[in-house]
Amino acid sequence: MRAVISYNGSELEAVLEGERWTVRRSGAERSSTSLEVALTRLLADHSPRVHSLAAQLIEMMLVEAQTPPIEETNGASVMTRGSYRSRRRRRLQ
C-alpha cells in the first residue's frame, strides 16, 4: 500500500510492504517496522506532528484502498481511480 501527502512544499510518501514502512521525501528515504519511527528518522522531528502525519498517511491509504476503480464505457470519459485520488489529495491539503 502507498500514500502520498503534501508536506512543507514537497511530497511525503509512505509505502507499507509486509510489516515494513518506507517513507520518502525529496530523495531521502528511511524504513522501519513503525511508521512513526521511520517518519521521525526521515524528518529529524520528535514532535507530536509526526503522529499527525502518520495518521494522515494511514487515512490516505485507507481511502485509496476503498476506492473502486471506475472503467470507461461506450467511449465516454469517466472518472478514473487516479483522478479521484488527485482530487481527494488536493481537497485534503
N, C-alpha and C. Protein backbone atom coordinates (compact mmCIF):
# COMPACT_ATOMS: atom_id res chain seq x y z
N MET A 1 0.84 -1.17 0.00
CA MET A 1 0.00 0.00 0.00
C MET A 1 0.88 1.24 0.00
N ARG A 2 0.36 2.30 -0.62
CA ARG A 2 1.15 3.51 -0.78
C ARG A 2 0.26 4.73 -0.58
N ALA A 3 0.81 5.78 0.02
CA ALA A 3 0.09 7.04 0.17
C ALA A 3 1.08 8.18 0.01
N VAL A 4 0.57 9.28 -0.52
CA VAL A 4 1.38 10.48 -0.70
C VAL A 4 0.57 11.67 -0.18
N ILE A 5 1.22 12.52 0.63
CA ILE A 5 0.58 13.74 1.10
C ILE A 5 1.56 14.90 0.88
N SER A 6 1.04 16.09 0.89
CA SER A 6 1.86 17.29 0.77
C SER A 6 2.47 17.61 2.14
N TYR A 7 3.75 17.97 2.13
CA TYR A 7 4.43 18.30 3.38
C TYR A 7 5.47 19.37 3.11
N ASN A 8 5.28 20.55 3.66
CA ASN A 8 6.23 21.67 3.53
C ASN A 8 6.69 21.89 2.09
N GLY A 9 5.77 21.93 1.16
CA GLY A 9 6.09 22.24 -0.22
C GLY A 9 6.62 21.09 -1.05
N SER A 10 6.65 19.89 -0.49
CA SER A 10 7.08 18.73 -1.26
C SER A 10 6.15 17.56 -0.94
N GLU A 11 6.41 16.43 -1.55
CA GLU A 11 5.59 15.26 -1.30
C GLU A 11 6.24 14.36 -0.26
N LEU A 12 5.41 13.84 0.61
CA LEU A 12 5.83 12.87 1.61
C LEU A 12 5.13 11.57 1.27
N GLU A 13 5.90 10.55 1.00
CA GLU A 13 5.36 9.27 0.55
C GLU A 13 5.62 8.19 1.60
N ALA A 14 4.62 7.35 1.82
CA ALA A 14 4.78 6.20 2.71
C ALA A 14 4.34 4.95 1.96
N VAL A 15 5.13 3.90 2.09
CA VAL A 15 4.83 2.62 1.45
C VAL A 15 4.87 1.55 2.53
N LEU A 16 3.84 0.72 2.58
CA LEU A 16 3.80 -0.40 3.50
C LEU A 16 3.95 -1.67 2.70
N GLU A 17 5.04 -2.40 2.94
CA GLU A 17 5.29 -3.68 2.29
C GLU A 17 5.46 -4.72 3.38
N GLY A 18 4.49 -5.64 3.45
CA GLY A 18 4.52 -6.61 4.54
C GLY A 18 4.33 -5.89 5.86
N GLU A 19 5.33 -5.97 6.72
CA GLU A 19 5.27 -5.29 8.01
C GLU A 19 6.29 -4.15 8.10
N ARG A 20 6.80 -3.72 6.97
CA ARG A 20 7.85 -2.70 6.94
C ARG A 20 7.35 -1.42 6.25
N TRP A 21 7.55 -0.29 6.91
CA TRP A 21 7.21 1.01 6.36
C TRP A 21 8.45 1.65 5.74
N THR A 22 8.28 2.25 4.58
CA THR A 22 9.33 3.05 3.97
C THR A 22 8.73 4.42 3.68
N VAL A 23 9.42 5.47 4.13
CA VAL A 23 8.96 6.83 3.88
C VAL A 23 10.01 7.56 3.06
N ARG A 24 9.53 8.41 2.14
CA ARG A 24 10.43 9.15 1.24
C ARG A 24 10.01 10.61 1.16
N ARG A 25 11.03 11.47 1.03
CA ARG A 25 10.79 12.90 0.82
C ARG A 25 12.04 13.50 0.19
N SER A 26 11.85 14.14 -0.93
CA SER A 26 12.95 14.85 -1.61
C SER A 26 14.19 13.99 -1.79
N GLY A 27 14.02 12.75 -2.20
CA GLY A 27 15.15 11.87 -2.47
C GLY A 27 15.69 11.14 -1.26
N ALA A 28 15.27 11.53 -0.05
CA ALA A 28 15.71 10.84 1.16
C ALA A 28 14.72 9.73 1.50
N GLU A 29 15.21 8.67 2.13
CA GLU A 29 14.36 7.51 2.43
C GLU A 29 14.78 6.89 3.75
N ARG A 30 13.78 6.49 4.55
CA ARG A 30 14.03 5.77 5.80
C ARG A 30 13.01 4.65 5.92
N SER A 31 13.38 3.56 6.58
CA SER A 31 12.49 2.41 6.76
C SER A 31 12.49 1.97 8.20
N SER A 32 11.36 1.38 8.61
CA SER A 32 11.22 0.84 9.96
C SER A 32 9.95 -0.01 10.00
N THR A 33 9.81 -0.79 11.04
CA THR A 33 8.56 -1.54 11.23
C THR A 33 7.48 -0.62 11.81
N SER A 34 7.86 0.58 12.23
CA SER A 34 6.92 1.56 12.76
C SER A 34 6.91 2.79 11.85
N LEU A 35 5.73 3.20 11.43
CA LEU A 35 5.62 4.39 10.57
C LEU A 35 6.13 5.62 11.30
N GLU A 36 5.78 5.78 12.57
CA GLU A 36 6.23 6.95 13.33
C GLU A 36 7.76 7.01 13.44
N VAL A 37 8.38 5.86 13.66
CA VAL A 37 9.85 5.82 13.77
C VAL A 37 10.48 6.20 12.44
N ALA A 38 9.97 5.66 11.34
CA ALA A 38 10.51 5.99 10.02
C ALA A 38 10.36 7.48 9.74
N LEU A 39 9.19 8.05 10.07
CA LEU A 39 8.98 9.49 9.86
C LEU A 39 9.90 10.33 10.73
N THR A 40 10.06 9.94 11.98
CA THR A 40 10.95 10.67 12.89
C THR A 40 12.38 10.69 12.35
N ARG A 41 12.84 9.57 11.86
CA ARG A 41 14.20 9.50 11.30
C ARG A 41 14.32 10.32 10.02
N LEU A 42 13.32 10.25 9.16
CA LEU A 42 13.37 10.98 7.90
C LEU A 42 13.32 12.49 8.12
N LEU A 43 12.43 12.93 8.98
CA LEU A 43 12.20 14.37 9.17
C LEU A 43 13.03 14.97 10.29
N ALA A 44 13.75 14.13 11.04
CA ALA A 44 14.53 14.59 12.20
C ALA A 44 13.64 15.43 13.11
N ASP A 45 12.45 14.92 13.36
CA ASP A 45 11.43 15.64 14.12
C ASP A 45 10.86 14.69 15.17
N HIS A 46 10.94 15.09 16.43
CA HIS A 46 10.43 14.25 17.51
C HIS A 46 9.16 14.83 18.12
N SER A 47 8.53 15.76 17.42
CA SER A 47 7.34 16.42 17.94
C SER A 47 6.08 15.59 17.69
N PRO A 48 4.99 15.96 18.33
CA PRO A 48 3.71 15.28 18.10
C PRO A 48 3.24 15.39 16.64
N ARG A 49 3.80 16.31 15.89
CA ARG A 49 3.43 16.46 14.48
C ARG A 49 3.66 15.16 13.70
N VAL A 50 4.66 14.39 14.09
CA VAL A 50 4.96 13.12 13.41
C VAL A 50 3.76 12.18 13.51
N HIS A 51 3.11 12.15 14.65
CA HIS A 51 1.94 11.29 14.82
C HIS A 51 0.79 11.75 13.93
N SER A 52 0.65 13.06 13.80
CA SER A 52 -0.39 13.61 12.92
C SER A 52 -0.12 13.25 11.46
N LEU A 53 1.13 13.36 11.04
CA LEU A 53 1.49 12.98 9.66
C LEU A 53 1.25 11.50 9.42
N ALA A 54 1.59 10.67 10.39
CA ALA A 54 1.36 9.23 10.27
C ALA A 54 -0.13 8.94 10.11
N ALA A 55 -0.95 9.62 10.90
CA ALA A 55 -2.40 9.43 10.80
C ALA A 55 -2.92 9.86 9.43
N GLN A 56 -2.41 10.97 8.90
CA GLN A 56 -2.83 11.43 7.57
C GLN A 56 -2.46 10.41 6.49
N LEU A 57 -1.25 9.86 6.59
CA LEU A 57 -0.80 8.88 5.60
C LEU A 57 -1.64 7.61 5.67
N ILE A 58 -1.93 7.14 6.87
CA ILE A 58 -2.74 5.94 7.02
C ILE A 58 -4.16 6.19 6.52
N GLU A 59 -4.71 7.36 6.82
CA GLU A 59 -6.05 7.69 6.33
C GLU A 59 -6.08 7.69 4.80
N MET A 60 -5.05 8.26 4.19
CA MET A 60 -4.99 8.29 2.72
C MET A 60 -4.93 6.87 2.16
N MET A 61 -4.16 6.01 2.80
CA MET A 61 -4.08 4.62 2.35
C MET A 61 -5.44 3.93 2.43
N LEU A 62 -6.14 4.17 3.51
CA LEU A 62 -7.46 3.55 3.69
C LEU A 62 -8.46 4.06 2.66
N VAL A 63 -8.44 5.35 2.40
CA VAL A 63 -9.35 5.94 1.41
C VAL A 63 -9.08 5.34 0.04
N GLU A 64 -7.80 5.27 -0.34
CA GLU A 64 -7.46 4.75 -1.66
C GLU A 64 -7.74 3.26 -1.77
N ALA A 65 -7.58 2.52 -0.68
CA ALA A 65 -7.85 1.08 -0.70
C ALA A 65 -9.35 0.80 -0.88
N GLN A 66 -10.19 1.72 -0.42
CA GLN A 66 -11.64 1.53 -0.51
C GLN A 66 -12.25 2.12 -1.77
N THR A 67 -11.46 2.82 -2.57
CA THR A 67 -11.97 3.45 -3.79
C THR A 67 -11.94 2.45 -4.93
N PRO A 68 -13.10 2.03 -5.41
CA PRO A 68 -13.11 1.08 -6.53
C PRO A 68 -12.72 1.76 -7.83
N PRO A 69 -12.00 1.05 -8.69
CA PRO A 69 -11.68 1.64 -9.99
C PRO A 69 -12.95 1.77 -10.83
N ILE A 70 -13.04 2.84 -11.61
CA ILE A 70 -14.18 3.05 -12.49
C ILE A 70 -13.69 2.95 -13.92
N GLU A 71 -14.36 2.16 -14.71
CA GLU A 71 -13.92 1.92 -16.08
C GLU A 71 -14.64 2.82 -17.06
N GLU A 72 -14.02 3.00 -18.21
CA GLU A 72 -14.61 3.76 -19.31
C GLU A 72 -15.66 2.90 -19.99
N THR A 73 -16.79 3.50 -20.33
CA THR A 73 -17.84 2.76 -21.03
C THR A 73 -18.31 3.55 -22.23
N ASN A 74 -18.56 2.87 -23.32
CA ASN A 74 -19.08 3.48 -24.55
C ASN A 74 -18.26 4.67 -25.03
N GLY A 75 -16.96 4.65 -24.78
CA GLY A 75 -16.10 5.73 -25.25
C GLY A 75 -16.26 7.03 -24.48
N ALA A 76 -17.15 7.05 -23.51
CA ALA A 76 -17.36 8.26 -22.71
C ALA A 76 -16.24 8.38 -21.68
N SER A 77 -15.83 9.58 -21.46
CA SER A 77 -14.79 9.81 -20.47
C SER A 77 -15.43 9.82 -19.08
N VAL A 78 -14.93 8.97 -18.21
CA VAL A 78 -15.43 8.91 -16.84
C VAL A 78 -14.27 9.03 -15.88
N MET A 79 -14.57 9.30 -14.64
CA MET A 79 -13.53 9.47 -13.63
C MET A 79 -12.81 8.15 -13.40
N THR A 80 -11.51 8.20 -13.41
CA THR A 80 -10.72 7.01 -13.10
C THR A 80 -10.29 7.08 -11.65
N ARG A 81 -9.78 5.98 -11.17
CA ARG A 81 -9.31 5.93 -9.79
C ARG A 81 -8.21 6.97 -9.56
N GLY A 82 -7.34 7.10 -10.55
CA GLY A 82 -6.24 8.06 -10.41
C GLY A 82 -6.72 9.49 -10.28
N SER A 83 -7.72 9.88 -11.06
CA SER A 83 -8.20 11.25 -10.98
C SER A 83 -8.93 11.48 -9.66
N TYR A 84 -9.60 10.47 -9.14
CA TYR A 84 -10.25 10.59 -7.83
C TYR A 84 -9.19 10.85 -6.77
N ARG A 85 -8.08 10.10 -6.83
CA ARG A 85 -7.01 10.29 -5.86
C ARG A 85 -6.47 11.71 -5.91
N SER A 86 -6.25 12.21 -7.12
CA SER A 86 -5.71 13.55 -7.28
C SER A 86 -6.64 14.59 -6.67
N ARG A 87 -7.94 14.46 -6.96
CA ARG A 87 -8.90 15.41 -6.41
C ARG A 87 -8.97 15.29 -4.90
N ARG A 88 -8.96 14.08 -4.38
CA ARG A 88 -9.02 13.85 -2.94
C ARG A 88 -7.77 14.44 -2.26
N ARG A 89 -6.61 14.23 -2.86
CA ARG A 89 -5.36 14.75 -2.32
C ARG A 89 -5.40 16.27 -2.25
N ARG A 90 -5.88 16.91 -3.33
CA ARG A 90 -5.98 18.38 -3.33
C ARG A 90 -6.96 18.86 -2.28
N ARG A 91 -8.06 18.14 -2.10
CA ARG A 91 -9.06 18.54 -1.12
C ARG A 91 -8.53 18.41 0.30
N LEU A 92 -7.67 17.44 0.56
CA LEU A 92 -7.14 17.22 1.90
C LEU A 92 -6.00 18.17 2.25
N GLN A 93 -5.43 18.84 1.29
CA GLN A 93 -4.28 19.72 1.56
C GLN A 93 -4.69 20.99 2.23
